[in-house]
Every structure is written in C-alpha cells, then in structure tokens.
Amino acid sequence: MPLVTIDLLRGRTPERLDAISNAIHDAMVELLEVPERDRFQIITEHEPPTLRFDPSYLDIPRGESFILIRVTLAQGRTTEAKRAFYRRLSQLLTDRAQIPAEDLAVIMIENGREDWSFGRGQASYLELPREAWR
C-alpha cells in the first residue's frame, strides 16, 4: 500500500484534483506494481505562505502550478522502475492536469512490509496471504 501525499497551492477545481489523483494512481499501477484498488491519498491545498519552494532549484523554473508528491511504499522497486514512474507521472500530469513537467517534485519514501497495519491490530503484509493484498 503506498500512501501518497499531494501538496499544492489552493485554487484548482475538483475536476483538476481528480485528474491529479488519477494520474498518480494510474502511474503507480502501471509501473510500481500497485494493485488497482490500493488507493490511499491525502491532498492538501495550501495558501502561498504555507507552501514554499525554490522557484529555480537545480536550474528548473517552477511556477504556481508546483506540486509536491510524496509516495511512501514498501521497499523493493528497482531504480529503473522508479525512473520510469517519474517519467510516466510527469507525462500523465502534463496531459491530464496541465501541470508543466518543471512544476513536479516527487519523493519516494521506502519502508518494510512490517511497517503497515490496515486494521485488526495486524501487521497486514506479514499476516495476510499475498493474494489478499490484491
């Protein structure tokens, strides 16, 4: 189960937020082996003073469409899979939500399967059979 947090400036329509959410999930399903029904996302809209970012870090010009995505997931994806995910996500967000590629930052945070509990006081990924995850 990835947990996705999405931070962006306030002002997008509900349809645009849906496009962002769907693009992220679709890219994870396609390239990070995330099950289709495994969607957990937190979208936080900020006023300009509470989302601060360097408009030119690494010589990449960023604007008001800036979006910061953190994906927390169990370790095990290859570097190649992560790189493909970044590219595909950028493409989908540009196509579906009109977010320039320069306005996207993604952080992957990995942990162990023992770090997830979905209820009943269980370490879900250790105690449930793998076929139950899908």
C-alpha atoms as a PDB file:
ATOM      1  CA  MET A   1       0.000   0.000   0.000  1.00  0.00           C
ATOM      2  CA  PRO A   2       1.506   3.224  -0.979  1.00  0.00           C
ATOM      3  CA  LEU A   3       0.427   6.284   0.921  1.00  0.00           C
ATOM      4  CA  VAL A   4       0.515   9.311  -1.351  1.00  0.00           C
ATOM      5  CA  THR A   5       0.548  12.852  -0.041  1.00  0.00           C
ATOM      6  CA  ILE A   6      -0.022  15.633  -2.525  1.00  0.00           C
ATOM      7  CA  ASP A   7       0.794  19.229  -1.604  1.00  0.00           C
ATOM      8  CA  LEU A   8      -0.170  22.075  -3.908  1.00  0.00           C
ATOM      9  CA  LEU A   9      -1.380  25.649  -3.894  1.00  0.00           C
ATOM     10  CA  ARG A  10      -5.096  26.242  -3.388  1.00  0.00           C
ATOM     11  CA  GLY A  11      -7.249  27.091  -6.371  1.00  0.00           C
ATOM     12  CA  ARG A  12      -7.662  24.007  -8.518  1.00  0.00           C
ATOM     13  CA  THR A  13     -11.124  22.754  -9.420  1.00  0.00           C
ATOM     14  CA  PRO A  14     -12.416  19.433  -8.061  1.00  0.00           C
ATOM     15  CA  GLU A  15     -12.073  18.039 -11.599  1.00  0.00           C
ATOM     16  CA  ARG A  16      -8.423  19.084 -11.747  1.00  0.00           C
ATOM     17  CA  LEU A  17      -7.776  17.495  -8.326  1.00  0.00           C
ATOM     18  CA  ASP A  18      -9.393  14.295  -9.612  1.00  0.00           C
ATOM     19  CA  ALA A  19      -7.151  14.391 -12.693  1.00  0.00           C
ATOM     20  CA  ILE A  20      -4.068  14.743 -10.477  1.00  0.00           C
ATOM     21  CA  SER A  21      -5.189  11.937  -8.162  1.00  0.00           C
ATOM     22  CA  ASN A  22      -5.999   9.601 -11.045  1.00  0.00           C
ATOM     23  CA  ALA A  23      -2.750  10.314 -12.894  1.00  0.00           C
ATOM     24  CA  ILE A  24      -0.688   9.461  -9.826  1.00  0.00           C
ATOM     25  CA  HIS A  25      -2.606   6.274  -9.139  1.00  0.00           C
ATOM     26  CA  ASP A  26      -2.528   5.153 -12.777  1.00  0.00           C
ATOM     27  CA  ALA A  27       1.249   5.635 -12.962  1.00  0.00           C
ATOM     28  CA  MET A  28       1.730   3.617  -9.751  1.00  0.00           C
ATOM     29  CA  VAL A  29      -0.457   0.773 -11.005  1.00  0.00           C
ATOM     30  CA  GLU A  30       1.296   0.769 -14.369  1.00  0.00           C
ATOM     31  CA  LEU A  31       4.916   0.944 -13.208  1.00  0.00           C
ATOM     32  CA  LEU A  32       5.216   0.245  -9.470  1.00  0.00           C
ATOM     33  CA  GLU A  33       3.079  -2.922  -9.282  1.00  0.00           C
ATOM     34  CA  VAL A  34       0.453  -1.274  -7.074  1.00  0.00           C
ATOM     35  CA  PRO A  35      -2.918  -3.085  -7.045  1.00  0.00           C
ATOM     36  CA  GLU A  36      -5.728  -1.137  -8.726  1.00  0.00           C
ATOM     37  CA  ARG A  37      -7.867  -0.908  -5.580  1.00  0.00           C
ATOM     38  CA  ASP A  38      -4.929   0.117  -3.384  1.00  0.00           C
ATOM     39  CA  ARG A  39      -5.539   3.886  -3.329  1.00  0.00           C
ATOM     40  CA  PHE A  40      -4.719   5.935  -0.248  1.00  0.00           C
ATOM     41  CA  GLN A  41      -4.073   9.627  -0.904  1.00  0.00           C
ATOM     42  CA  ILE A  42      -4.021  12.815   1.128  1.00  0.00           C
ATOM     43  CA  ILE A  43      -4.425  16.009  -0.875  1.00  0.00           C
ATOM     44  CA  THR A  44      -3.519  19.196   0.960  1.00  0.00           C
ATOM     45  CA  GLU A  45      -4.148  22.588  -0.584  1.00  0.00           C
ATOM     46  CA  HIS A  46      -2.059  25.443   0.773  1.00  0.00           C
ATOM     47  CA  GLU A  47      -2.196  29.202   0.764  1.00  0.00           C
ATOM     48  CA  PRO A  48       1.021  30.649  -0.724  1.00  0.00           C
ATOM     49  CA  PRO A  49       2.678  31.352   2.660  1.00  0.00           C
ATOM     50  CA  THR A  50       2.374  27.700   3.731  1.00  0.00           C
ATOM     51  CA  LEU A  51       3.855  26.005   0.663  1.00  0.00           C
ATOM     52  CA  ARG A  52       7.290  27.367  -0.040  1.00  0.00           C
ATOM     53  CA  PHE A  53       9.603  26.139  -2.763  1.00  0.00           C
ATOM     54  CA  ASP A  54      12.627  27.436  -4.573  1.00  0.00           C
ATOM     55  CA  PRO A  55      11.491  28.687  -7.991  1.00  0.00           C
ATOM     56  CA  SER A  56      14.787  27.691  -9.639  1.00  0.00           C
ATOM     57  CA  TYR A  57      16.432  24.874  -7.647  1.00  0.00           C
ATOM     58  CA  LEU A  58      18.686  22.768  -9.929  1.00  0.00           C
ATOM     59  CA  ASP A  59      18.063  25.382 -12.635  1.00  0.00           C
ATOM     60  CA  ILE A  60      14.489  24.172 -13.146  1.00  0.00           C
ATOM     61  CA  PRO A  61      11.997  27.055 -13.353  1.00  0.00           C
ATOM     62  CA  ARG A  62       8.939  26.443 -11.150  1.00  0.00           C
ATOM     63  CA  GLY A  63       5.666  28.333 -11.081  1.00  0.00           C
ATOM     64  CA  GLU A  64       2.330  28.461  -9.312  1.00  0.00           C
ATOM     65  CA  SER A  65       1.366  25.018 -10.642  1.00  0.00           C
ATOM     66  CA  PHE A  66       4.063  23.428  -8.441  1.00  0.00           C
ATOM     67  CA  ILE A  67       3.040  20.126  -6.892  1.00  0.00           C
ATOM     68  CA  LEU A  68       4.973  18.079  -4.322  1.00  0.00           C
ATOM     69  CA  ILE A  69       4.167  14.373  -4.217  1.00  0.00           C
ATOM     70  CA  ARG A  70       5.453  12.009  -1.541  1.00  0.00           C
ATOM     71  CA  VAL A  71       4.970   8.297  -2.111  1.00  0.00           C
ATOM     72  CA  THR A  72       5.526   6.103   0.939  1.00  0.00           C
ATOM     73  CA  LEU A  73       5.683   2.445  -0.066  1.00  0.00           C
ATOM     74  CA  ALA A  74       7.246  -0.883   0.802  1.00  0.00           C
ATOM     75  CA  GLN A  75      10.787  -1.251  -0.465  1.00  0.00           C
ATOM     76  CA  GLY A  76      11.583  -3.427  -3.436  1.00  0.00           C
ATOM     77  CA  ARG A  77      11.175  -1.347  -6.602  1.00  0.00           C
ATOM     78  CA  THR A  78      14.193  -1.080  -8.854  1.00  0.00           C
ATOM     79  CA  THR A  79      15.869   2.180  -9.760  1.00  0.00           C
ATOM     80  CA  GLU A  80      14.715   1.624 -13.348  1.00  0.00           C
ATOM     81  CA  ALA A  81      11.083   1.227 -12.224  1.00  0.00           C
ATOM     82  CA  LYS A  82      11.281   4.426 -10.184  1.00  0.00           C
ATOM     83  CA  ARG A  83      12.792   6.384 -13.066  1.00  0.00           C
ATOM     84  CA  ALA A  84      10.096   5.089 -15.420  1.00  0.00           C
ATOM     85  CA  PHE A  85       7.458   6.067 -12.841  1.00  0.00           C
ATOM     86  CA  TYR A  86       8.796   9.645 -12.626  1.00  0.00           C
ATOM     87  CA  ARG A  87       8.709   9.985 -16.420  1.00  0.00           C
ATOM     88  CA  ARG A  88       5.244   8.489 -16.793  1.00  0.00           C
ATOM     89  CA  LEU A  89       3.820  10.513 -13.919  1.00  0.00           C
ATOM     90  CA  SER A  90       5.178  13.718 -15.402  1.00  0.00           C
ATOM     91  CA  GLN A  91       3.645  12.841 -18.762  1.00  0.00           C
ATOM     92  CA  LEU A  92       0.238  11.982 -17.278  1.00  0.00           C
ATOM     93  CA  LEU A  93       0.105  15.119 -15.120  1.00  0.00           C
ATOM     94  CA  THR A  94       1.003  17.280 -18.103  1.00  0.00           C
ATOM     95  CA  ASP A  95      -1.577  15.601 -20.344  1.00  0.00           C
ATOM     96  CA  ARG A  96      -4.439  15.309 -17.851  1.00  0.00           C
ATOM     97  CA  ALA A  97      -3.947  18.181 -15.405  1.00  0.00           C
ATOM     98  CA  GLN A  98      -1.883  20.706 -17.395  1.00  0.00           C
ATOM     99  CA  ILE A  99       0.947  20.648 -14.861  1.00  0.00           C
ATOM    100  CA  PRO A 100       4.250  21.577 -16.525  1.00  0.00           C
ATOM    101  CA  ALA A 101       6.961  18.959 -16.064  1.00  0.00           C
ATOM    102  CA  GLU A 102       9.071  21.609 -14.330  1.00  0.00           C
ATOM    103  CA  ASP A 103       6.404  22.032 -11.630  1.00  0.00           C
ATOM    104  CA  LEU A 104       6.540  18.440 -10.389  1.00  0.00           C
ATOM    105  CA  ALA A 105       8.628  17.179  -7.469  1.00  0.00           C
ATOM    106  CA  VAL A 106       8.371  13.560  -6.301  1.00  0.00           C
ATOM    107  CA  ILE A 107       9.877  11.953  -3.222  1.00  0.00           C
ATOM    108  CA  MET A 108       9.831   8.186  -2.725  1.00  0.00           C
ATOM    109  CA  ILE A 109       9.979   7.000   0.890  1.00  0.00           C
ATOM    110  CA  GLU A 110      10.510   3.284   1.335  1.00  0.00           C
ATOM    111  CA  ASN A 111       9.917   1.139   4.386  1.00  0.00           C
ATOM    112  CA  GLY A 112       9.421  -2.540   5.225  1.00  0.00           C
ATOM    113  CA  ARG A 113       6.319  -4.675   4.901  1.00  0.00           C
ATOM    114  CA  GLU A 114       6.247  -4.909   8.688  1.00  0.00           C
ATOM    115  CA  ASP A 115       5.567  -1.159   8.821  1.00  0.00           C
ATOM    116  CA  TRP A 116       1.964  -1.396   7.575  1.00  0.00           C
ATOM    117  CA  SER A 117      -1.202  -2.202   9.520  1.00  0.00           C
ATOM    118  CA  PHE A 118      -4.649  -1.874   7.954  1.00  0.00           C
ATOM    119  CA  GLY A 119      -6.679  -2.853  10.978  1.00  0.00           C
ATOM    120  CA  ARG A 120      -7.358  -5.612  13.484  1.00  0.00           C
ATOM    121  CA  GLY A 121      -4.006  -4.933  15.126  1.00  0.00           C
ATOM    122  CA  GLN A 122      -2.235  -6.960  12.443  1.00  0.00           C
ATOM    123  CA  ALA A 123       0.983  -6.372  10.556  1.00  0.00           C
ATOM    124  CA  SER A 124      -1.159  -6.864   7.473  1.00  0.00           C
ATOM    125  CA  TYR A 125       1.517  -7.703   4.917  1.00  0.00           C
ATOM    126  CA  LEU A 126       3.140 -10.203   7.267  1.00  0.00           C
ATOM    127  CA  GLU A 127      -0.021 -11.913   8.493  1.00  0.00           C
ATOM    128  CA  LEU A 128      -2.311 -11.950   5.455  1.00  0.00           C
ATOM    129  CA  PRO A 129      -1.668 -14.127   2.399  1.00  0.00           C
ATOM    130  CA  ARG A 130      -0.273 -12.256  -0.591  1.00  0.00           C
ATOM    131  CA  GLU A 131      -3.387 -12.926  -2.688  1.00  0.00           C
ATOM    132  CA  ALA A 132      -5.418 -10.922  -0.137  1.00  0.00           C
ATOM    133  CA  TRP A 133      -3.387  -7.807  -0.952  1.00  0.00           C
ATOM    134  CA  ARG A 134      -4.888  -7.543  -4.444  1.00  0.00           C
END
